[in-house]
Protein backbone atom coordinates (compact mmCIF):
# COMPACT_ATOMS: atom_id res chain seq x y z
CA MET A 1 83.25 93.97 127.76
CA LEU A 2 79.75 95.61 127.95
CA TYR A 3 78.67 92.90 125.05
CA TYR A 4 78.80 90.15 128.75
CA PHE A 5 77.51 92.31 131.09
CA LEU A 6 74.06 93.24 129.37
CA TYR A 7 73.53 90.35 127.45
CA GLN A 8 75.17 87.35 129.10
CA PHE A 9 74.35 88.54 132.33
CA LEU A 10 71.83 90.87 132.94
CA PHE A 11 69.42 89.66 129.97
CA GLN A 12 70.49 85.53 130.79
CA GLN A 13 69.89 86.42 134.09
CA TYR A 14 66.87 88.65 134.51
CA GLY A 15 65.58 89.14 130.52
CA ARG A 16 64.20 86.18 129.72
CA ASN A 17 61.62 85.93 132.37
CA SER A 18 61.26 89.19 133.38
CA GLU A 19 58.38 91.92 132.50
CA SER A 20 60.18 94.59 132.82
CA TYR A 21 61.00 95.95 129.26
CA PHE A 22 63.99 97.04 130.31
CA PHE A 23 65.38 93.72 130.93
CA LYS A 24 63.47 92.36 127.57
CA GLY A 25 64.90 95.19 125.54
CA LEU A 26 68.61 93.85 126.62
CA ASN A 27 68.30 91.19 124.02
CA VAL A 28 68.47 93.52 121.00
CA ILE A 29 72.54 93.82 122.22
CA GLN A 30 72.64 90.14 120.69
CA TYR A 31 72.24 91.95 117.17
CA VAL A 32 75.41 92.08 115.67
CA THR A 33 74.47 95.34 113.80
CA PHE A 34 73.20 97.25 116.76
CA ARG A 35 76.44 96.43 118.58
CA THR A 36 78.04 98.06 115.11
CA ALA A 37 76.09 101.19 115.35
CA LEU A 38 76.86 101.27 118.99
CA ALA A 39 80.61 101.13 118.22
CA ALA A 40 80.55 103.54 116.13
CA ILE A 41 79.04 105.82 118.30
CA THR A 42 81.23 104.99 121.01
CA ALA A 43 84.48 105.48 118.99
CA LEU A 44 82.59 109.34 117.37
CA LEU A 45 82.36 110.06 121.37
CA LEU A 46 85.27 109.03 122.54
CA SER A 47 87.76 110.59 119.85
CA LEU A 48 85.14 114.13 120.35
CA LEU A 49 85.64 114.18 124.02
CA LEU A 50 89.18 113.26 124.11
CA GLY A 51 90.32 114.93 120.59
CA GLY A 52 90.94 118.45 122.45
CA ARG A 53 93.19 116.91 125.54
CA VAL A 54 94.98 114.84 122.80
CA VAL A 55 95.53 117.63 120.53
CA ARG A 56 97.19 119.75 123.38
CA LYS A 57 99.18 117.01 125.12
CA LEU A 58 101.17 116.36 121.59
CA ALA A 59 101.69 120.12 121.42
CA ASP A 60 102.93 120.31 124.85
CA LEU A 61 105.44 117.09 124.04
CA LYS A 62 106.25 119.29 121.06
CA PHE A 63 105.61 116.35 118.45
CA GLY A 64 105.15 119.13 115.69
CA GLN A 65 105.27 118.14 112.30
CA GLU A 66 108.08 118.33 109.83
CA ILE A 67 107.76 119.64 106.82
CA ARG A 68 110.20 118.83 103.81
CA GLU A 69 111.72 121.56 101.76
CA GLU A 70 111.55 119.66 98.69
CA GLY A 71 107.14 119.71 99.22
CA PRO A 72 104.88 122.49 98.20
CA ALA A 73 105.84 125.55 99.60
CA SER A 74 102.37 126.32 100.79
CA HIS A 75 102.97 123.45 103.26
CA GLN A 76 105.79 125.54 105.19
CA GLU A 77 103.20 127.19 107.38
CA LYS A 78 101.77 123.85 108.59
CA ARG A 79 105.30 123.23 110.30
CA GLY A 80 104.72 122.62 113.91
CA THR A 81 101.61 121.05 113.81
CA PRO A 82 101.32 118.49 116.56
CA THR A 83 101.56 115.23 114.73
CA MET A 84 100.90 111.23 116.08
CA GLY A 85 97.24 112.45 116.54
CA GLY A 86 96.73 108.34 114.97
CA VAL A 87 97.00 107.18 118.69
CA LEU A 88 93.31 109.16 119.19
CA ILE A 89 91.96 106.51 116.30
CA ILE A 90 93.45 103.71 117.33
CA GLY A 91 92.86 104.19 120.84
CA SER A 92 88.92 105.13 120.04
CA VAL A 93 88.74 101.83 117.54
CA PHE A 94 90.29 99.46 120.11
CA VAL A 95 88.07 100.94 123.47
CA SER A 96 84.80 100.35 121.10
CA THR A 97 85.33 97.29 120.01
CA ILE A 98 86.33 95.68 123.37
CA LEU A 99 82.97 96.79 124.74
CA TRP A 100 80.61 96.09 121.93
CA ALA A 101 82.34 93.03 120.49
CA ARG A 102 81.65 89.34 121.58
CA PRO A 103 85.33 88.63 122.81
CA ASP A 104 85.41 84.87 121.81
CA SER A 105 85.92 85.90 117.83
CA LEU A 106 89.92 84.93 116.76
CA TYR A 107 88.90 87.03 113.91
CA LEU A 108 87.97 89.84 115.86
CA TRP A 109 91.77 89.81 117.67
CA ILE A 110 93.84 88.90 114.59
CA ALA A 111 91.87 92.75 112.90
CA LEU A 112 92.86 94.07 116.45
CA VAL A 113 96.44 92.72 116.91
CA SER A 114 97.27 93.38 113.33
CA THR A 115 95.90 96.68 113.30
CA THR A 116 97.69 97.64 116.69
CA LEU A 117 101.17 96.38 115.10
CA PHE A 118 101.27 98.35 112.05
CA ALA A 119 100.24 101.54 114.30
CA ALA A 120 103.42 100.44 116.70
CA ILE A 121 106.06 100.56 113.18
CA GLY A 122 104.25 104.04 112.40
CA PHE A 123 104.84 104.96 116.19
CA ALA A 124 108.65 103.97 116.06
CA ASP A 125 108.77 106.06 112.84
CA ASP A 126 107.36 109.07 113.71
CA TYR A 127 108.82 109.18 117.50
CA ILE A 128 112.12 108.69 115.72
CA LYS A 129 111.46 111.53 113.55
CA ILE A 130 110.09 114.36 115.85
CA VAL A 131 112.21 113.30 119.28
CA LYS A 132 115.21 111.68 117.58
CA LYS A 133 115.37 114.33 115.03
CA ARG A 134 116.05 112.08 112.31
CA SER A 135 114.26 113.49 109.08
CA LEU A 136 113.71 109.78 107.40
CA GLY A 137 112.62 107.94 111.06
CA LEU A 138 112.78 104.48 110.44
CA THR A 139 114.84 102.94 107.14
CA GLY A 140 112.82 101.59 104.36
CA LYS A 141 114.27 98.16 105.26
CA GLN A 142 113.47 98.46 109.10
CA LYS A 143 109.68 99.66 108.15
CA LEU A 144 109.07 97.13 105.30
CA ALA A 145 110.74 94.23 108.04
CA GLY A 146 108.11 94.80 110.51
CA GLN A 147 105.20 95.07 108.27
CA VAL A 148 106.43 91.37 106.66
CA ILE A 149 106.72 89.63 110.17
CA ILE A 150 103.12 91.29 111.02
CA ALA A 151 101.94 89.68 107.63
CA ALA A 152 103.39 86.52 107.94
CA ALA A 153 102.28 86.22 111.69
CA VAL A 154 98.59 87.11 110.09
CA TRP A 155 99.45 83.85 107.81
CA GLY A 156 100.67 81.76 110.83
CA VAL A 157 97.58 82.36 113.16
CA LEU A 158 95.41 81.50 110.32
CA TRP A 159 97.26 78.60 108.99
CA ALA A 160 97.21 77.21 112.79
CA TRP A 161 94.24 77.83 114.57
CA GLY A 162 91.73 80.33 111.88
CA ASN A 163 89.88 77.30 109.73
CA TYR A 164 90.58 79.88 107.15
CA PRO A 165 89.07 79.40 103.60
CA TRP A 166 92.15 79.78 101.60
CA ASN A 167 90.47 80.66 98.27
CA ILE A 168 90.51 83.74 96.28
CA SER A 169 87.29 85.11 95.90
CA ILE A 170 87.08 87.17 92.62
CA PRO A 171 83.91 89.34 92.06
CA PHE A 172 81.98 88.78 88.69
CA PHE A 173 82.85 84.86 88.90
CA LYS A 174 80.28 82.83 90.84
CA ALA A 175 82.62 80.07 90.91
CA THR A 176 85.35 81.63 93.12
CA ALA A 177 83.23 82.04 96.10
CA GLU A 178 83.58 78.53 96.65
CA VAL A 179 86.04 77.05 98.91
CA THR A 180 87.03 74.14 97.02
CA GLY A 181 87.69 73.98 92.95
CA VAL A 182 89.37 76.20 90.95
CA SER A 183 89.64 79.27 93.25
CA TYR A 184 91.20 77.32 95.82
CA VAL A 185 95.27 78.42 95.96
CA GLY A 186 96.34 76.83 99.47
CA PRO A 187 98.04 78.52 102.25
CA VAL A 188 101.22 78.15 101.02
CA VAL A 189 100.37 80.24 98.04
CA TYR A 190 98.13 82.65 100.34
CA LEU A 191 100.71 83.91 102.36
CA PHE A 192 102.43 85.67 98.93
CA PHE A 193 99.07 87.29 98.70
CA ILE A 194 98.61 88.42 102.48
CA LEU A 195 102.17 89.80 102.43
CA PHE A 196 101.27 91.46 98.69
CA ILE A 197 97.81 93.14 100.57
CA LEU A 198 99.09 94.18 104.05
CA LEU A 199 102.09 95.53 102.90
CA GLY A 200 100.08 97.64 99.82
CA SER A 201 97.50 98.62 102.07
CA SER A 202 99.27 100.02 104.89
CA ASN A 203 102.02 102.16 102.63
CA ALA A 204 98.90 103.30 99.80
CA VAL A 205 97.37 104.81 103.33
CA ASN A 206 100.72 106.12 104.20
CA LEU A 207 100.95 107.73 101.11
CA THR A 208 97.52 109.40 100.62
CA ASP A 209 97.85 111.21 104.15
CA GLY A 210 99.43 114.48 102.57
CA LEU A 211 96.42 117.40 102.87
CA ASP A 212 94.60 118.03 105.58
CA GLY A 213 91.14 115.82 105.97
CA LEU A 214 92.05 113.73 103.23
CA ALA A 215 93.35 110.21 104.21
CA ILE A 216 90.82 110.23 107.07
CA SER A 217 88.05 111.16 104.87
CA VAL A 218 88.76 108.53 102.30
CA THR A 219 89.15 106.13 105.40
CA PHE A 220 85.45 106.67 106.41
CA ILE A 221 84.39 106.40 103.03
CA ALA A 222 86.33 103.17 102.71
CA MET A 223 85.74 101.36 105.86
CA ALA A 224 81.73 102.15 105.71
CA ALA A 225 81.64 100.37 102.74
CA LEU A 226 83.58 97.58 104.21
CA THR A 227 81.61 97.58 107.19
CA GLY A 228 78.22 96.81 104.51
CA LEU A 229 80.60 93.84 103.01
CA THR A 230 81.98 92.50 106.61
CA TYR A 231 78.20 92.05 107.31
CA LEU A 232 76.88 90.51 104.34
CA GLY A 233 79.83 87.71 103.94
CA SER A 234 79.07 86.65 107.32
CA ASP A 235 75.73 86.02 107.02
CA ALA A 236 74.81 83.16 105.82
CA ARG A 237 71.50 84.30 103.81
CA TRP A 238 73.11 87.47 102.31
CA ALA A 239 76.45 85.03 101.21
CA GLU A 240 74.20 82.44 99.75
CA ARG A 241 72.08 84.98 98.11
CA LEU A 242 75.32 87.46 96.72
CA ASP A 243 77.34 84.27 95.66
CA LEU A 244 79.98 85.67 98.53
CA THR A 245 82.23 83.46 100.45
CA HIS A 246 80.55 82.59 103.92
CA ASN A 247 82.73 83.02 106.89
CA PRO A 248 81.01 83.24 110.04
CA ALA A 249 83.81 83.98 111.96
CA ALA A 250 83.87 87.26 110.58
CA VAL A 251 81.01 88.46 111.84
CA GLU A 252 82.43 90.80 114.78
CA LEU A 253 84.86 92.16 112.70
CA THR A 254 81.50 94.26 111.44
CA VAL A 255 81.84 95.62 115.18
CA PHE A 256 85.46 96.64 114.77
CA CYS A 257 84.86 98.17 111.06
CA GLY A 258 81.84 99.88 112.69
CA ALA A 259 84.38 101.51 115.63
CA MET A 260 86.58 102.55 112.56
CA VAL A 261 84.21 104.34 110.94
CA GLY A 262 83.09 106.62 114.56
CA ALA A 263 86.80 107.01 114.93
CA SER A 264 87.56 108.39 111.20
CA LEU A 265 84.66 110.85 111.99
CA GLY A 266 85.95 111.87 115.52
CA PHE A 267 89.25 112.56 114.42
CA LEU A 268 87.90 114.30 110.89
CA TRP A 269 86.40 116.81 113.71
CA TYR A 270 90.28 118.28 114.28
CA ASN A 271 92.06 117.02 111.10
CA ALA A 272 89.80 118.95 108.95
CA PRO A 273 91.15 121.91 106.91
CA PRO A 274 93.00 123.74 108.57
CA ALA A 275 94.80 120.83 110.55
CA GLU A 276 94.47 121.27 114.43
CA VAL A 277 96.35 117.60 114.32
CA PHE A 278 98.14 115.20 111.73
CA MET A 279 97.48 111.24 112.38
CA GLY A 280 101.11 110.50 111.31
CA ASP A 281 102.41 107.18 110.07
CA VAL A 282 101.10 106.27 113.92
CA GLY A 283 97.33 106.45 112.35
CA SER A 284 98.38 105.84 108.52
CA LEU A 285 99.94 102.37 108.42
CA ALA A 286 97.54 101.22 111.00
CA ILE A 287 94.59 102.36 108.87
CA GLY A 288 95.99 100.23 106.14
CA GLY A 289 96.84 97.69 108.13
CA ALA A 290 93.19 97.40 109.18
CA LEU A 291 92.03 97.72 105.79
CA GLY A 292 93.98 95.00 104.55
CA THR A 293 93.57 92.76 107.66
CA VAL A 294 89.83 92.76 107.11
CA ALA A 295 89.59 92.37 103.36
CA ILE A 296 91.85 88.88 104.07
CA LEU A 297 89.70 87.59 106.54
CA THR A 298 86.05 88.51 104.90
CA LYS A 299 87.61 87.21 101.25
CA GLN A 300 87.41 90.85 100.04
CA GLU A 301 90.67 90.95 98.74
CA PHE A 302 90.01 91.48 95.01
CA LEU A 303 87.20 94.24 96.09
CA LEU A 304 90.01 96.14 98.24
CA PRO A 305 91.23 98.10 94.80
CA PHE A 306 87.55 99.23 94.83
CA ILE A 307 86.78 100.10 98.39
CA GLY A 308 89.96 102.09 98.73
CA GLY A 309 90.41 102.97 95.20
CA VAL A 310 92.07 106.68 96.18
CA PHE A 311 94.33 104.94 98.30
CA ILE A 312 95.46 102.96 95.40
CA LEU A 313 95.93 105.81 92.79
CA GLU A 314 98.11 107.63 95.32
CA ALA A 315 100.42 104.61 95.42
CA LEU A 316 100.30 103.82 91.41
CA SER A 317 101.01 107.74 90.98
CA VAL A 318 104.40 107.34 93.13
CA MET A 319 105.15 103.50 91.40
CA LEU A 320 104.67 104.98 88.04
CA GLN A 321 106.15 107.88 88.70
CA VAL A 322 109.73 106.33 89.74
CA THR A 323 109.38 103.63 87.49
CA VAL A 324 109.28 106.10 84.29
CA PHE A 325 111.86 108.58 86.01
CA LYS A 326 114.46 105.66 86.56
CA LEU A 327 113.61 103.90 82.90
CA THR A 328 114.35 107.55 81.03
CA LYS A 329 117.09 108.67 83.54
CA ARG A 330 120.47 107.57 81.39
CA GLY A 331 123.85 109.28 80.86
CA GLY A 332 123.75 112.75 81.90
CA ASN A 333 119.72 113.05 81.15
CA PRO A 334 117.81 113.89 83.94
CA GLY A 335 114.77 111.26 84.28
CA LYS A 336 111.32 112.13 82.82
CA ARG A 337 108.78 112.76 85.16
CA VAL A 338 104.98 111.70 84.63
CA PHE A 339 103.65 114.17 87.86
CA LYS A 340 104.95 117.53 88.55
CA MET A 341 104.99 115.60 91.91
CA THR A 342 104.05 112.47 93.50
CA PRO A 343 101.57 111.32 95.36
CA LEU A 344 98.84 112.67 93.05
CA HIS A 345 97.50 114.76 95.18
CA HIS A 346 100.63 117.15 95.44
CA HIS A 347 100.45 116.94 91.26
CA PHE A 348 97.19 118.51 91.62
CA GLU A 349 98.43 121.06 94.37
CA ILE A 350 101.45 122.24 91.96
CA THR A 351 99.22 122.59 89.13
CA GLY A 352 97.48 125.04 90.98
CA TRP A 353 94.49 123.71 92.56
CA LYS A 354 93.71 124.68 96.06
CA GLU A 355 93.95 122.35 98.66
CA PRO A 356 90.49 122.06 100.26
CA LYS A 357 89.30 121.45 96.16
CA ILE A 358 91.63 118.54 95.94
CA VAL A 359 90.55 116.78 99.01
CA PHE A 360 86.22 117.09 98.10
CA ARG A 361 87.19 116.09 94.64
CA PHE A 362 89.21 113.09 95.85
CA VAL A 363 85.91 112.14 98.24
CA ILE A 364 83.68 112.48 95.80
CA ILE A 365 86.15 109.69 93.51
CA ALA A 366 86.05 107.68 97.29
CA ILE A 367 82.19 107.62 97.22
CA LEU A 368 82.33 106.57 93.56
CA PHE A 369 84.66 103.82 94.32
CA ALA A 370 82.88 102.73 97.32
CA LEU A 371 79.29 102.84 95.32
CA LEU A 372 81.40 100.58 92.50
CA SER A 373 82.26 98.02 95.34
CA LEU A 374 78.38 97.42 96.24
CA SER A 375 77.57 97.15 92.75
CA THR A 376 79.56 94.58 92.39
CA LEU A 377 77.31 92.46 94.70
CA LYS A 378 74.89 92.17 92.24
CA LEU A 379 76.89 91.53 89.29
CA ARG A 380 78.38 87.98 90.54
């Protein structure tokens, strides 16, 4: 842990009474904003430096992407592109967070373990599809069961050791920032809330990962917004001023979010169109799990649809398509479709939009959603 070595050892031992600017300067390590910036830079550099080796290793192992025949025809040329590159994202986040965060934060370890476990589900799904040559990987029930277990485990840790505020904080309503009163729902009801958030966020990111650079670009924007919100909610002065639920235990999550921002930029270097590597389910499920877990721990659950608005739109497009299709499929009549194809980005592909245009336009929408989430801070 660089934090303990630089601050707890070097500064505490030598810096307090030393005239050396080097030792005195180590005092800055105690500030979470400084360590968040270092975590982002570290994760970015790790991704850039190790990315080429990871891509070559995945290619040597023949971990190539399989393309479904029913997808857009233009995607067939991507067949064989190395996938499972999400290991680069998760590895960079884990290492940089461990280096710069204080290790005595329970919330930090909840986020790290939850993200890793979601990545493990995605890894198993990718491995079965690629190595075992089963086109669908894990069954829907197997994947859902794993996600439910992780969500229940997060709730269990919070209930047993987390001193967690069991209130629902709703933007635009000051009263809901209080832990007691109208917004208090208790741990039992909150279990179902956590299940809904974690399953929804992990699968929403998974559905968005269909175009070169799309999911990771939106992740960068969403995580940047969540980094700011996490810091504000964990700082007593800002939380009081902005009527946020103050939870000082979540302060080290700012470092984790910063690491995710840096890792996203680093992975985008290799995932930008035309992609050299895909993140696979190991990356998309982990990112969605990380977003949902941090939103729960920082009491930003109701802001999550704004923070990750593009992810929500992609998931809603699939849900709407399936619902309408099933409701209108009667007798021998085929069901009606709202979109030409889902998730939503495929609809625009089939209508004639080029892949880079779709990605850039979705990024613009993601930025607008992120700004909207930040604007709610002054509307409470």
